[in-house]
Amino acid sequence: MNYQTEQALRVKSLAMDVIEELMKGDGKHEVQELKQLSELFSRCICDLVNVYTNTSEDHEMTLKGTVIKAKIGYNIMKAKSEAVERE
């Protein structure tokens, strides 16, 4: 599997984990948290489009940044889930 595909699948996996958390239906997500998630994953989509349309100069750095954004989104969601569980 090539590097680009591997990184894209990593972003997909993190996004699916976030979707799973959102779909649990506990409804305890704050507007600010949802806005942050929307922004991060929208930026991930833009980055992936730039890589796959060859409009990105440095594919490797773009993909590394994309994975980092997805991890940040995932961590935001996990931190909130863990805080809700403690309550």
C-alpha atoms as a PDB file:
ATOM      1  CA  MET A   1       0.000   0.000   0.000  1.00  0.00           C
ATOM      2  CA  ASN A   2       1.443   3.387  -0.896  1.00  0.00           C
ATOM      3  CA  TYR A   3       1.985   6.172   1.619  1.00  0.00           C
ATOM      4  CA  GLN A   4      -0.838   8.387   0.359  1.00  0.00           C
ATOM      5  CA  THR A   5      -3.390   5.609   0.595  1.00  0.00           C
ATOM      6  CA  GLU A   6      -2.156   4.583   4.034  1.00  0.00           C
ATOM      7  CA  GLN A   7      -2.462   8.135   5.394  1.00  0.00           C
ATOM      8  CA  ALA A   8      -5.882   8.653   3.799  1.00  0.00           C
ATOM      9  CA  LEU A   9      -7.112   5.431   5.412  1.00  0.00           C
ATOM     10  CA  ARG A  10      -5.765   6.632   8.779  1.00  0.00           C
ATOM     11  CA  VAL A  11      -7.778   9.838   8.443  1.00  0.00           C
ATOM     12  CA  LYS A  12     -10.841   7.787   7.493  1.00  0.00           C
ATOM     13  CA  SER A  13     -10.405   5.565  10.550  1.00  0.00           C
ATOM     14  CA  LEU A  14     -10.204   8.560  12.887  1.00  0.00           C
ATOM     15  CA  ALA A  15     -13.221  10.166  11.214  1.00  0.00           C
ATOM     16  CA  MET A  16     -15.216   6.949  11.617  1.00  0.00           C
ATOM     17  CA  ASP A  17     -14.308   6.844  15.324  1.00  0.00           C
ATOM     18  CA  VAL A  18     -15.577  10.409  15.718  1.00  0.00           C
ATOM     19  CA  ILE A  19     -18.796   9.537  13.870  1.00  0.00           C
ATOM     20  CA  GLU A  20     -19.290   6.554  16.175  1.00  0.00           C
ATOM     21  CA  GLU A  21     -18.931   8.783  19.245  1.00  0.00           C
ATOM     22  CA  LEU A  22     -21.336  11.355  17.806  1.00  0.00           C
ATOM     23  CA  MET A  23     -23.924   8.709  16.984  1.00  0.00           C
ATOM     24  CA  LYS A  24     -24.021   7.322  20.515  1.00  0.00           C
ATOM     25  CA  GLY A  25     -26.813   9.804  20.983  1.00  0.00           C
ATOM     26  CA  ASP A  26     -26.041  11.084  24.451  1.00  0.00           C
ATOM     27  CA  GLY A  27     -26.569  14.625  23.140  1.00  0.00           C
ATOM     28  CA  LYS A  28     -23.962  16.125  25.442  1.00  0.00           C
ATOM     29  CA  HIS A  29     -21.889  17.761  22.725  1.00  0.00           C
ATOM     30  CA  GLU A  30     -21.386  21.492  23.010  1.00  0.00           C
ATOM     31  CA  VAL A  31     -21.740  23.794  20.019  1.00  0.00           C
ATOM     32  CA  GLN A  32     -18.096  24.914  20.278  1.00  0.00           C
ATOM     33  CA  GLU A  33     -16.887  21.307  20.256  1.00  0.00           C
ATOM     34  CA  LEU A  34     -18.970  20.505  17.188  1.00  0.00           C
ATOM     35  CA  LYS A  35     -17.700  23.631  15.427  1.00  0.00           C
ATOM     36  CA  GLN A  36     -14.101  22.604  16.122  1.00  0.00           C
ATOM     37  CA  LEU A  37     -14.740  19.105  14.795  1.00  0.00           C
ATOM     38  CA  SER A  38     -16.430  20.482  11.690  1.00  0.00           C
ATOM     39  CA  GLU A  39     -13.544  22.817  10.982  1.00  0.00           C
ATOM     40  CA  LEU A  40     -10.853  20.190  11.526  1.00  0.00           C
ATOM     41  CA  PHE A  41     -12.485  17.547   9.360  1.00  0.00           C
ATOM     42  CA  SER A  42     -13.387  20.091   6.675  1.00  0.00           C
ATOM     43  CA  ARG A  43      -9.715  21.035   6.547  1.00  0.00           C
ATOM     44  CA  CYS A  44      -8.839  17.330   6.308  1.00  0.00           C
ATOM     45  CA  ILE A  45     -11.128  17.001   3.299  1.00  0.00           C
ATOM     46  CA  CYS A  46      -9.525  20.033   1.641  1.00  0.00           C
ATOM     47  CA  ASP A  47      -6.042  18.634   2.275  1.00  0.00           C
ATOM     48  CA  LEU A  48      -6.939  15.237   0.818  1.00  0.00           C
ATOM     49  CA  VAL A  49      -8.473  16.850  -2.256  1.00  0.00           C
ATOM     50  CA  ASN A  50      -5.307  18.924  -2.716  1.00  0.00           C
ATOM     51  CA  VAL A  51      -3.154  15.792  -2.534  1.00  0.00           C
ATOM     52  CA  TYR A  52      -5.267  13.741  -4.917  1.00  0.00           C
ATOM     53  CA  THR A  53      -5.660  16.567  -7.441  1.00  0.00           C
ATOM     54  CA  ASN A  54      -1.925  17.325  -7.294  1.00  0.00           C
ATOM     55  CA  THR A  55      -2.488  20.918  -6.188  1.00  0.00           C
ATOM     56  CA  SER A  56      -0.391  20.314  -3.074  1.00  0.00           C
ATOM     57  CA  GLU A  57       3.341  20.939  -3.419  1.00  0.00           C
ATOM     58  CA  ASP A  58       4.540  18.579  -0.691  1.00  0.00           C
ATOM     59  CA  HIS A  59       2.236  15.580  -0.469  1.00  0.00           C
ATOM     60  CA  GLU A  60       4.030  13.968   2.450  1.00  0.00           C
ATOM     61  CA  MET A  61       3.878  17.076   4.661  1.00  0.00           C
ATOM     62  CA  THR A  62       0.272  17.745   3.669  1.00  0.00           C
ATOM     63  CA  LEU A  63      -0.714  14.201   4.612  1.00  0.00           C
ATOM     64  CA  LYS A  64       1.162  14.354   7.915  1.00  0.00           C
ATOM     65  CA  GLY A  65      -0.669  17.582   8.745  1.00  0.00           C
ATOM     66  CA  THR A  66      -3.966  16.031   7.733  1.00  0.00           C
ATOM     67  CA  VAL A  67      -3.468  13.065  10.046  1.00  0.00           C
ATOM     68  CA  ILE A  68      -2.551  15.437  12.872  1.00  0.00           C
ATOM     69  CA  LYS A  69      -5.760  17.432  12.318  1.00  0.00           C
ATOM     70  CA  ALA A  70      -7.793  14.225  12.382  1.00  0.00           C
ATOM     71  CA  LYS A  71      -6.049  13.111  15.592  1.00  0.00           C
ATOM     72  CA  ILE A  72      -6.813  16.469  17.210  1.00  0.00           C
ATOM     73  CA  GLY A  73     -10.479  16.055  16.264  1.00  0.00           C
ATOM     74  CA  TYR A  74     -10.498  12.548  17.646  1.00  0.00           C
ATOM     75  CA  ASN A  75      -8.852  13.710  20.882  1.00  0.00           C
ATOM     76  CA  ILE A  76     -11.415  16.488  21.305  1.00  0.00           C
ATOM     77  CA  MET A  77     -14.180  13.912  21.007  1.00  0.00           C
ATOM     78  CA  LYS A  78     -12.509  11.405  23.347  1.00  0.00           C
ATOM     79  CA  ALA A  79     -11.805  14.057  25.990  1.00  0.00           C
ATOM     80  CA  LYS A  80     -15.460  15.061  25.970  1.00  0.00           C
ATOM     81  CA  SER A  81     -16.633  11.437  26.122  1.00  0.00           C
ATOM     82  CA  GLU A  82     -14.363  10.702  29.064  1.00  0.00           C
ATOM     83  CA  ALA A  83     -15.555  13.834  30.890  1.00  0.00           C
ATOM     84  CA  VAL A  84     -19.182  12.787  30.397  1.00  0.00           C
ATOM     85  CA  GLU A  85     -18.429   9.272  31.691  1.00  0.00           C
ATOM     86  CA  ARG A  86     -16.899  10.714  34.874  1.00  0.00           C
ATOM     87  CA  GLU A  87     -20.027  12.744  35.623  1.00  0.00           C
END
